[in-house]
Amino acid sequence: MDKILIVDDEMGVRESLKFSLKEKYEIILAGDGREALDMFDKRHPQLVILDIILPDIGGLDILKKIKEREENTAVIMLTAVSHVKTAVEAMKLGAAEYITKPFDVEELKIVVGKILKAFRLEGHFSLLKEELGREYPVGRIVYKSPAMKKILAESAKVALTDSAILLTGPTGSGKELIARYIHEKSIRRGEPFVPVHCAAIPESLFESELFGHEKGAFTNALTGRQGKIEAAASGTIFLDEVSEIPPVLQVKLLRFLQEKEFSRLGSNDIIKSDARVISASSKDLGEEVAAKAFRDDLFYRLGVIPINIPPLKERREDIIPLADFYFESFKSQFLCKAERFSAGALEFLRDYDWPGNVRELKNIIERILVLGGGKVVIEEGDLPEGLRPEGKKGTEKSFKEQVEDFEKGLISEALLKTGYNQAMAARELKTTRRILRYKAEQYGLSDNAKG
């Protein structure tokens, strides 16, 4: 339920507004500016109805302070006298609407509903913008195998529930794609889908990223900030590589799962949340529990409904449809002349074991079209070394060496693309900087790299 803070020094106005809005919204009242800011910091309302003339602090000053604390909070200004100059100044400071007293209550209710909807959509749009460029088959899932058909049928069924879902399977197998599919099949499809890539978040920032923080909660926390759970609202929060959540925060996550409430870092105030949790792990969480690296009670809470996604080599029927999908996608993106793969090239794609799964397949197809897209037909010789006929038939390199060559190539490309910035390269490869640094040193690629 959205929270509305009503700030007016006239009790009659406050009570009238509360009576009109309390059926649909949680109402918070304040009679002056100081109380308003105190209530704002404690309760985090989505909308503030703010009188422009208050006994202690001016309404415009309160508006400015609210926007400094939470830029995405909607504010409606109230005034007994209409002045164009004041209205313009309020709008410049970020007010969503300016209403003159006396106002029509029914009209105000309509305005409140429209503003909250608009601000919610704007917040969703910001989240969607962060997700642009992700390599997912938008609107459909490409598959042919019975294994994926079964997974999608099961996913569509559990989407209708609110149970916690744990997706397991190797890295690159499509766990986030299935999580998105479940979200789109659920009644929450109109709400945000918020992914949290746990392995990419530094431990020191994890609590703030997930639960949000208050102003002054830590050094450089100059403003308050909502976390991913709060941003998910009544939608879905996806915890990818959930095994990487620091042990100290596993307790707080468990409490959220049990009570559907949490507190921001630096605050004791309770925030309720209806967000659904879908988590994923490429590690065996049972083994992590046995090794005391993951809480058993959290494991059971997250895995009410487990869904395992097998590696691509165990569903070979999907390889060619996926290759064709990415071929057409990158062909359009890069304006290539390439029309198709030769029969021989398709055979080697189908027979390769794809240790990096769908993500590796996608990266390989992109590389092929970047380097050989000027040809009409992609032949066996156009495939990367580990996939070429001579690579398959020769005995010069073992399978492990071929995989290492491929991995080295990916890391080298990412470092080159990011100007040898390891942090940026790690984000590009969807891994942690710690892992990237280790691999770069292993392959002798760290000499020019920056932190």
Protein backbone atom coordinates (compact mmCIF):
# COMPACT_ATOMS: atom_id res chain seq x y z
CA MET A 1 0.00 0.00 0.00
CA ASP A 2 1.38 3.42 -1.00
CA LYS A 3 2.12 5.84 1.84
CA ILE A 4 1.04 9.50 1.68
CA LEU A 5 2.43 12.17 4.02
CA ILE A 6 0.00 15.08 4.51
CA VAL A 7 1.66 18.27 5.79
CA ASP A 8 -0.61 21.17 6.77
CA ASP A 9 -0.80 23.36 9.89
CA GLU A 10 -4.61 23.29 9.80
CA MET A 11 -5.93 20.18 11.57
CA GLY A 12 -9.20 20.35 9.65
CA VAL A 13 -7.37 20.09 6.31
CA ARG A 14 -5.22 17.21 7.53
CA GLU A 15 -8.17 15.23 8.87
CA SER A 16 -10.30 15.92 5.79
CA LEU A 17 -7.58 14.64 3.48
CA LYS A 18 -6.95 11.63 5.70
CA PHE A 19 -10.65 10.70 5.69
CA SER A 20 -10.78 10.98 1.88
CA LEU A 21 -7.64 8.94 1.15
CA LYS A 22 -7.33 6.38 3.96
CA GLU A 23 -9.28 3.61 2.16
CA LYS A 24 -6.65 3.24 -0.57
CA TYR A 25 -3.49 4.61 1.07
CA GLU A 26 -1.56 4.55 4.33
CA ILE A 27 -1.81 8.10 5.69
CA ILE A 28 0.87 9.92 7.75
CA LEU A 29 0.13 13.37 9.23
CA ALA A 30 2.40 16.29 10.12
CA GLY A 31 1.48 19.77 11.36
CA ASP A 32 4.72 21.63 10.62
CA GLY A 33 7.94 21.41 8.62
CA ARG A 34 10.16 19.78 11.25
CA GLU A 35 7.60 17.07 11.96
CA ALA A 36 7.19 16.58 8.22
CA LEU A 37 10.89 15.96 7.66
CA ASP A 38 11.03 13.65 10.69
CA MET A 39 8.06 11.60 9.41
CA PHE A 40 9.53 11.59 5.91
CA ASP A 41 12.84 10.15 7.12
CA LYS A 42 11.12 7.52 9.27
CA ARG A 43 8.26 6.40 7.02
CA HIS A 44 9.50 6.93 3.41
CA PRO A 45 6.20 7.94 1.79
CA GLN A 46 5.69 7.62 -1.94
CA LEU A 47 3.79 10.95 -2.10
CA VAL A 48 3.72 14.13 -0.01
CA ILE A 49 0.81 16.60 0.01
CA LEU A 50 2.54 19.73 1.26
CA ASP A 51 1.11 23.11 2.32
CA ILE A 52 3.26 25.92 0.98
CA ILE A 53 2.90 28.08 4.14
CA LEU A 54 3.94 26.42 7.41
CA PRO A 55 4.64 27.97 10.84
CA ASP A 56 8.34 27.02 11.03
CA ILE A 57 9.85 26.06 7.65
CA GLY A 58 8.53 27.23 4.29
CA GLY A 59 6.90 24.64 2.04
CA LEU A 60 9.34 25.31 -0.80
CA ASP A 61 12.27 24.68 1.56
CA ILE A 62 10.63 21.41 2.67
CA LEU A 63 10.14 20.46 -0.99
CA LYS A 64 13.82 21.09 -1.68
CA LYS A 65 14.89 18.97 1.31
CA ILE A 66 12.56 16.12 0.29
CA LYS A 67 14.00 16.05 -3.22
CA GLU A 68 17.53 16.04 -1.78
CA ARG A 69 16.63 13.00 0.34
CA GLU A 70 14.51 11.01 -2.14
CA GLU A 71 14.42 12.41 -5.66
CA ASN A 72 11.73 9.95 -6.79
CA THR A 73 9.15 11.00 -4.17
CA ALA A 74 6.10 12.73 -5.69
CA VAL A 75 5.04 16.04 -4.09
CA ILE A 76 1.74 17.95 -4.46
CA MET A 77 1.88 21.55 -3.23
CA LEU A 78 -1.17 23.13 -1.53
CA THR A 79 -1.72 26.87 -1.14
CA ALA A 80 -4.53 29.20 -0.12
CA VAL A 81 -3.40 31.86 -2.61
CA SER A 82 -2.53 31.26 -6.26
CA HIS A 83 0.69 32.98 -7.33
CA VAL A 84 2.12 32.08 -10.75
CA LYS A 85 5.68 32.86 -9.62
CA THR A 86 5.39 30.53 -6.61
CA ALA A 87 3.84 27.77 -8.73
CA VAL A 88 6.65 28.02 -11.30
CA GLU A 89 9.28 27.89 -8.54
CA ALA A 90 7.62 24.81 -7.00
CA MET A 91 7.59 23.03 -10.36
CA LYS A 92 11.25 23.91 -10.93
CA LEU A 93 12.07 22.32 -7.56
CA GLY A 94 10.37 19.11 -8.61
CA ALA A 95 6.73 19.39 -7.47
CA ALA A 96 4.41 17.13 -9.44
CA GLU A 97 1.32 19.34 -9.04
CA TYR A 98 0.22 22.67 -7.55
CA ILE A 99 -3.34 22.88 -6.13
CA THR A 100 -5.14 25.94 -4.75
CA LYS A 101 -7.37 25.80 -1.68
CA PRO A 102 -10.28 25.25 -1.42
CA PHE A 103 -9.96 22.12 -3.54
CA ASP A 104 -12.43 19.52 -4.73
CA VAL A 105 -11.71 16.31 -2.77
CA GLU A 106 -12.81 13.97 -5.60
CA GLU A 107 -10.62 15.84 -8.07
CA LEU A 108 -7.68 15.65 -5.64
CA LYS A 109 -8.18 11.86 -5.30
CA ILE A 110 -7.98 11.52 -9.09
CA VAL A 111 -4.82 13.66 -9.19
CA VAL A 112 -3.21 11.61 -6.40
CA GLY A 113 -3.96 8.33 -8.24
CA LYS A 114 -2.57 9.62 -11.55
CA ILE A 115 0.60 11.02 -9.98
CA LEU A 116 1.37 7.84 -8.03
CA LYS A 117 0.83 5.77 -11.17
CA ALA A 118 3.06 8.07 -13.23
CA PHE A 119 5.87 8.05 -10.65
CA ARG A 120 5.61 4.26 -10.32
CA LEU A 121 5.86 3.84 -14.10
CA GLU A 122 8.83 6.22 -14.18
CA GLY A 123 10.56 4.10 -11.55
CA HIS A 124 9.80 0.95 -13.54
CA PHE A 125 11.15 2.63 -16.68
CA SER A 126 14.41 3.46 -14.91
CA LEU A 127 14.79 -0.19 -13.94
CA LEU A 128 13.99 -1.28 -17.49
CA LYS A 129 16.61 1.11 -18.89
CA GLU A 130 19.23 -0.62 -16.74
CA GLU A 131 18.21 -3.89 -18.34
CA LEU A 132 18.49 -2.71 -21.97
CA GLY A 133 21.10 -4.60 -23.93
CA ARG A 134 20.76 -7.86 -22.03
CA GLU A 135 21.06 -10.84 -24.34
CA TYR A 136 17.70 -12.55 -23.94
CA PRO A 137 15.34 -13.74 -26.67
CA VAL A 138 12.77 -11.02 -26.03
CA GLY A 139 9.19 -12.26 -25.99
CA ARG A 140 10.02 -15.91 -26.54
CA ILE A 141 12.32 -18.67 -25.41
CA VAL A 142 14.18 -20.57 -28.10
CA TYR A 143 14.13 -24.32 -27.53
CA LYS A 144 13.31 -27.69 -29.09
CA SER A 145 14.33 -30.20 -26.43
CA PRO A 146 11.85 -32.14 -24.26
CA ALA A 147 13.87 -31.03 -21.20
CA MET A 148 13.19 -27.33 -21.84
CA LYS A 149 9.57 -28.03 -22.72
CA LYS A 150 9.14 -29.67 -19.30
CA ILE A 151 10.92 -26.79 -17.53
CA LEU A 152 8.70 -24.18 -19.19
CA ALA A 153 5.53 -26.12 -18.36
CA GLU A 154 6.59 -26.38 -14.73
CA SER A 155 7.61 -22.70 -14.66
CA ALA A 156 4.24 -21.57 -16.03
CA LYS A 157 2.51 -23.62 -13.34
CA VAL A 158 4.52 -22.27 -10.39
CA ALA A 159 4.25 -18.71 -11.75
CA LEU A 160 0.66 -18.69 -10.52
CA THR A 161 1.82 -19.14 -6.91
CA ASP A 162 3.78 -16.86 -4.58
CA SER A 163 6.15 -19.61 -3.44
CA ALA A 164 9.91 -18.97 -3.38
CA ILE A 165 11.66 -20.60 -6.36
CA LEU A 166 15.27 -21.78 -6.55
CA LEU A 167 16.73 -22.19 -10.04
CA THR A 168 19.83 -24.35 -10.29
CA GLY A 169 22.11 -25.17 -13.18
CA PRO A 170 25.56 -24.30 -14.53
CA THR A 171 26.63 -20.76 -15.38
CA GLY A 172 25.20 -19.55 -18.67
CA SER A 173 22.41 -22.14 -18.85
CA GLY A 174 19.58 -19.59 -18.84
CA LYS A 175 18.50 -19.27 -15.23
CA GLU A 176 17.71 -15.56 -15.45
CA LEU A 177 15.73 -16.13 -18.64
CA ILE A 178 13.56 -18.69 -16.83
CA ALA A 179 13.14 -16.30 -13.88
CA ARG A 180 11.91 -13.61 -16.27
CA TYR A 181 9.58 -16.12 -17.91
CA ILE A 182 8.05 -16.97 -14.51
CA HIS A 183 7.60 -13.26 -13.76
CA GLU A 184 5.88 -12.63 -17.10
CA LYS A 185 3.52 -15.58 -16.56
CA SER A 186 2.54 -14.36 -13.07
CA ILE A 187 -0.01 -11.77 -11.96
CA ARG A 188 2.99 -9.57 -11.10
CA ARG A 189 3.91 -9.05 -14.76
CA GLY A 190 2.95 -5.36 -14.60
CA GLU A 191 5.30 -4.77 -11.67
CA PRO A 192 9.14 -4.55 -11.83
CA PHE A 193 11.47 -7.49 -12.34
CA VAL A 194 14.59 -6.53 -10.38
CA PRO A 195 17.73 -8.67 -10.82
CA VAL A 196 20.45 -8.67 -8.17
CA HIS A 197 23.72 -10.25 -9.30
CA CYS A 198 25.05 -11.18 -5.88
CA ALA A 199 28.54 -12.18 -7.02
CA ALA A 200 29.15 -8.74 -8.54
CA ILE A 201 28.36 -6.71 -5.38
CA PRO A 202 31.22 -5.93 -2.97
CA GLU A 203 30.49 -7.33 0.49
CA SER A 204 30.70 -3.86 2.07
CA LEU A 205 27.91 -2.55 -0.18
CA PHE A 206 25.67 -5.59 -0.20
CA GLU A 207 23.28 -4.56 2.59
CA SER A 208 22.77 -1.11 1.08
CA GLU A 209 22.24 -2.55 -2.40
CA LEU A 210 19.61 -5.03 -1.26
CA PHE A 211 17.86 -3.21 1.59
CA GLY A 212 18.69 0.47 0.96
CA HIS A 213 20.21 2.96 3.37
CA GLU A 214 19.44 6.17 5.23
CA LYS A 215 21.28 9.46 4.88
CA GLY A 216 24.46 9.29 6.98
CA ALA A 217 24.31 5.49 7.40
CA PHE A 218 27.93 5.32 6.25
CA THR A 219 30.63 7.53 4.81
CA ASN A 220 29.48 9.23 1.57
CA ALA A 221 25.81 8.32 2.21
CA LEU A 222 24.78 11.91 1.46
CA THR A 223 21.17 10.97 0.69
CA GLY A 224 18.81 8.13 1.50
CA ARG A 225 18.42 5.42 -1.12
CA GLN A 226 15.97 2.61 -1.62
CA GLY A 227 17.35 -0.89 -2.11
CA LYS A 228 16.49 -3.48 -4.73
CA ILE A 229 13.79 -5.12 -2.57
CA GLU A 230 12.02 -1.80 -2.10
CA ALA A 231 12.36 -1.05 -5.83
CA ALA A 232 10.72 -4.37 -6.68
CA ALA A 233 7.52 -3.18 -4.96
CA SER A 234 4.95 -5.95 -5.59
CA GLY A 235 6.98 -7.42 -8.42
CA THR A 236 9.79 -9.99 -8.47
CA ILE A 237 13.30 -9.75 -7.08
CA PHE A 238 15.76 -12.18 -8.67
CA LEU A 239 18.79 -13.13 -6.57
CA ASP A 240 21.32 -14.55 -9.01
CA GLU A 241 24.21 -16.58 -7.54
CA VAL A 242 22.52 -16.39 -4.14
CA SER A 243 25.31 -18.53 -2.63
CA GLU A 244 27.52 -15.40 -2.74
CA ILE A 245 25.42 -13.47 -0.23
CA PRO A 246 27.68 -12.70 2.76
CA PRO A 247 26.88 -14.88 5.82
CA VAL A 248 26.16 -11.86 8.02
CA LEU A 249 23.38 -10.75 5.64
CA GLN A 250 21.84 -14.19 5.21
CA VAL A 251 20.05 -13.68 8.55
CA LYS A 252 18.49 -10.42 7.37
CA LEU A 253 17.39 -12.00 4.09
CA LEU A 254 15.86 -14.91 6.02
CA ARG A 255 13.88 -12.48 8.16
CA PHE A 256 12.58 -10.75 5.03
CA LEU A 257 11.47 -14.07 3.56
CA GLN A 258 9.71 -15.04 6.80
CA GLU A 259 8.13 -11.72 7.78
CA LYS A 260 7.95 -9.85 4.45
CA GLU A 261 9.53 -6.83 6.11
CA PHE A 262 12.97 -5.26 6.47
CA SER A 263 14.78 -2.09 7.56
CA ARG A 264 17.11 0.15 5.62
CA LEU A 265 20.74 0.30 6.71
CA GLY A 266 20.97 2.96 9.42
CA SER A 267 17.30 2.76 10.41
CA ASN A 268 15.11 0.72 12.75
CA ASP A 269 11.90 1.59 10.91
CA ILE A 270 10.08 -1.37 9.38
CA ILE A 271 9.28 -1.42 5.65
CA LYS A 272 6.74 -3.94 4.41
CA SER A 273 7.25 -5.65 1.04
CA ASP A 274 5.14 -7.96 -1.08
CA ALA A 275 7.95 -8.75 -3.54
CA ARG A 276 8.28 -12.34 -4.71
CA VAL A 277 11.73 -13.91 -4.46
CA ILE A 278 13.25 -16.09 -7.17
CA SER A 279 16.85 -17.12 -6.56
CA ALA A 280 19.44 -18.96 -8.62
CA SER A 281 22.73 -20.70 -8.02
CA SER A 282 25.33 -22.44 -10.15
CA LYS A 283 26.76 -23.96 -6.95
CA ASP A 284 25.20 -26.91 -5.15
CA LEU A 285 23.60 -25.15 -2.17
CA GLY A 286 23.29 -28.46 -0.36
CA GLU A 287 27.07 -28.76 -0.44
CA GLU A 288 27.40 -25.11 0.65
CA VAL A 289 25.15 -25.86 3.64
CA ALA A 290 27.24 -28.94 4.53
CA ALA A 291 30.39 -26.80 4.35
CA LYS A 292 28.79 -24.23 6.70
CA ALA A 293 29.04 -21.58 3.97
CA PHE A 294 25.27 -21.16 3.65
CA ARG A 295 22.49 -21.24 6.26
CA ASP A 296 20.33 -24.36 6.09
CA ASP A 297 17.17 -22.48 7.15
CA LEU A 298 17.71 -19.93 4.36
CA PHE A 299 18.32 -22.74 1.87
CA TYR A 300 14.98 -24.34 2.73
CA ARG A 301 13.18 -20.99 2.55
CA LEU A 302 14.60 -20.16 -0.87
CA GLY A 303 14.09 -23.61 -2.33
CA VAL A 304 10.39 -24.22 -1.68
CA ILE A 305 10.10 -25.01 -5.41
CA PRO A 306 13.40 -26.13 -7.00
CA ILE A 307 13.82 -26.10 -10.78
CA ASN A 308 17.00 -27.47 -12.33
CA ILE A 309 18.14 -26.27 -15.78
CA PRO A 310 20.47 -28.82 -17.40
CA PRO A 311 23.62 -27.78 -19.29
CA LEU A 312 23.34 -27.23 -23.03
CA LYS A 313 25.24 -30.45 -23.81
CA GLU A 314 22.38 -32.40 -22.19
CA ARG A 315 19.78 -30.79 -24.45
CA ARG A 316 21.54 -30.79 -27.80
CA GLU A 317 18.25 -30.33 -29.66
CA ASP A 318 18.38 -26.66 -28.54
CA ILE A 319 21.85 -25.90 -29.96
CA ILE A 320 20.93 -25.28 -33.61
CA PRO A 321 17.71 -23.31 -32.88
CA LEU A 322 19.70 -21.10 -30.49
CA ALA A 323 22.54 -20.72 -33.01
CA ASP A 324 20.02 -19.71 -35.68
CA PHE A 325 18.37 -17.22 -33.33
CA TYR A 326 21.64 -15.50 -32.42
CA PHE A 327 22.81 -15.68 -36.04
CA GLU A 328 19.75 -13.70 -37.20
CA SER A 329 20.00 -11.31 -34.26
CA PHE A 330 23.67 -10.41 -34.82
CA LYS A 331 23.30 -10.45 -38.59
CA SER A 332 20.78 -7.59 -38.29
CA GLN A 333 22.81 -5.80 -35.63
CA PHE A 334 26.09 -5.86 -37.58
CA LEU A 335 24.52 -5.62 -41.09
CA CYS A 336 26.37 -8.76 -42.19
CA LYS A 337 26.18 -10.38 -45.62
CA ALA A 338 26.18 -13.85 -44.06
CA GLU A 339 23.12 -15.93 -45.00
CA ARG A 340 23.64 -19.23 -43.26
CA PHE A 341 25.99 -21.83 -41.76
CA SER A 342 27.24 -24.65 -43.94
CA ALA A 343 26.09 -28.17 -43.05
CA GLY A 344 29.61 -28.97 -41.80
CA ALA A 345 29.72 -25.89 -39.56
CA LEU A 346 26.33 -26.79 -38.07
CA GLU A 347 27.59 -30.31 -37.35
CA PHE A 348 30.53 -28.98 -35.35
CA LEU A 349 28.32 -26.55 -33.47
CA ARG A 350 25.96 -29.40 -32.58
CA ASP A 351 28.76 -31.77 -31.51
CA TYR A 352 30.63 -29.28 -29.32
CA ASP A 353 30.01 -29.68 -25.56
CA TRP A 354 29.57 -25.94 -24.80
CA PRO A 355 31.10 -25.78 -21.30
CA GLY A 356 29.92 -22.14 -21.11
CA ASN A 357 26.41 -23.17 -22.15
CA VAL A 358 24.02 -20.74 -23.89
CA ARG A 359 26.14 -17.72 -22.97
CA GLU A 360 29.18 -19.27 -24.67
CA LEU A 361 27.10 -20.12 -27.74
CA LYS A 362 25.86 -16.57 -27.97
CA ASN A 363 29.40 -15.15 -27.64
CA ILE A 364 30.75 -17.57 -30.26
CA ILE A 365 28.06 -16.63 -32.80
CA GLU A 366 28.74 -12.95 -32.18
CA ARG A 367 32.48 -13.49 -32.70
CA ILE A 368 31.90 -15.49 -35.89
CA LEU A 369 29.76 -12.75 -37.45
CA VAL A 370 32.09 -9.95 -36.37
CA LEU A 371 35.11 -11.68 -37.92
CA GLY A 372 33.51 -13.58 -40.82
CA GLY A 373 30.24 -11.81 -41.48
CA GLY A 374 31.42 -10.62 -44.89
CA LYS A 375 30.99 -14.13 -46.26
CA VAL A 376 27.64 -15.44 -47.49
CA VAL A 377 28.11 -18.91 -46.00
CA ILE A 378 29.90 -19.52 -42.69
CA GLU A 379 32.11 -22.58 -43.22
CA GLU A 380 33.89 -24.92 -40.78
CA GLY A 381 37.10 -22.92 -41.17
CA ASP A 382 35.34 -19.77 -39.95
CA LEU A 383 34.66 -21.33 -36.56
CA PRO A 384 36.94 -20.49 -33.59
CA GLU A 385 39.92 -22.81 -33.13
CA GLY A 386 38.32 -25.04 -30.51
CA LEU A 387 35.32 -25.70 -32.77
CA ARG A 388 37.11 -26.12 -36.12
CA PRO A 389 37.55 -29.52 -37.75
CA GLU A 390 41.30 -29.49 -37.14
CA GLY A 391 40.69 -28.59 -33.53
CA LYS A 392 38.32 -31.53 -33.18
CA LYS A 393 40.43 -34.08 -34.99
CA GLY A 394 43.92 -33.08 -33.89
CA THR A 395 45.59 -34.21 -30.73
CA GLU A 396 47.72 -31.12 -30.22
CA LYS A 397 45.42 -29.66 -27.56
CA SER A 398 43.31 -31.33 -24.89
CA PHE A 399 39.71 -30.34 -24.23
CA LYS A 400 40.85 -28.44 -21.12
CA GLU A 401 43.37 -26.49 -23.19
CA GLN A 402 40.73 -25.61 -25.77
CA VAL A 403 38.40 -24.33 -23.05
CA GLU A 404 41.24 -22.29 -21.55
CA ASP A 405 42.01 -20.80 -24.98
CA PHE A 406 38.39 -19.76 -25.32
CA GLU A 407 38.27 -18.31 -21.82
CA LYS A 408 41.51 -16.42 -22.40
CA GLY A 409 40.05 -14.98 -25.60
CA LEU A 410 36.92 -13.76 -23.85
CA ILE A 411 38.89 -12.12 -21.04
CA SER A 412 41.33 -10.54 -23.49
CA GLU A 413 38.48 -9.09 -25.55
CA ALA A 414 36.73 -7.72 -22.46
CA LEU A 415 39.93 -6.08 -21.15
CA LEU A 416 40.66 -4.56 -24.54
CA LYS A 417 37.09 -3.28 -24.87
CA THR A 418 37.21 -1.62 -21.43
CA GLY A 419 40.69 -0.15 -21.71
CA TYR A 420 42.08 -2.84 -19.39
CA ASN A 421 39.84 -1.72 -16.52
CA GLN A 422 39.30 -4.91 -14.51
CA ALA A 423 36.16 -3.69 -12.72
CA MET A 424 34.45 -2.80 -16.00
CA ALA A 425 35.68 -5.98 -17.69
CA ALA A 426 34.30 -8.07 -14.82
CA ARG A 427 30.87 -6.44 -15.27
CA GLU A 428 31.10 -7.06 -19.03
CA LEU A 429 31.74 -10.77 -18.40
CA LYS A 430 29.17 -10.92 -15.56
CA THR A 431 31.72 -12.15 -13.05
CA THR A 432 33.47 -10.67 -10.02
CA ARG A 433 36.62 -8.57 -10.17
CA ARG A 434 38.31 -11.06 -7.84
CA ILE A 435 37.71 -13.93 -10.26
CA LEU A 436 38.70 -11.82 -13.27
CA ARG A 437 41.94 -10.72 -11.61
CA TYR A 438 42.82 -14.33 -10.83
CA LYS A 439 42.10 -15.47 -14.39
CA ALA A 440 43.93 -12.52 -15.94
CA GLU A 441 47.04 -13.32 -13.90
CA GLN A 442 46.69 -17.01 -14.79
CA TYR A 443 46.69 -16.18 -18.51
CA GLY A 444 49.31 -13.42 -18.32
CA LEU A 445 46.83 -10.67 -19.17
CA SER A 446 47.22 -8.52 -16.08
CA ASP A 447 50.26 -6.45 -16.97
CA ASN A 448 48.29 -3.52 -18.46
CA ALA A 449 45.18 -4.01 -16.35
CA LYS A 450 43.89 -1.39 -13.97
CA GLY A 451 41.76 -1.87 -10.86
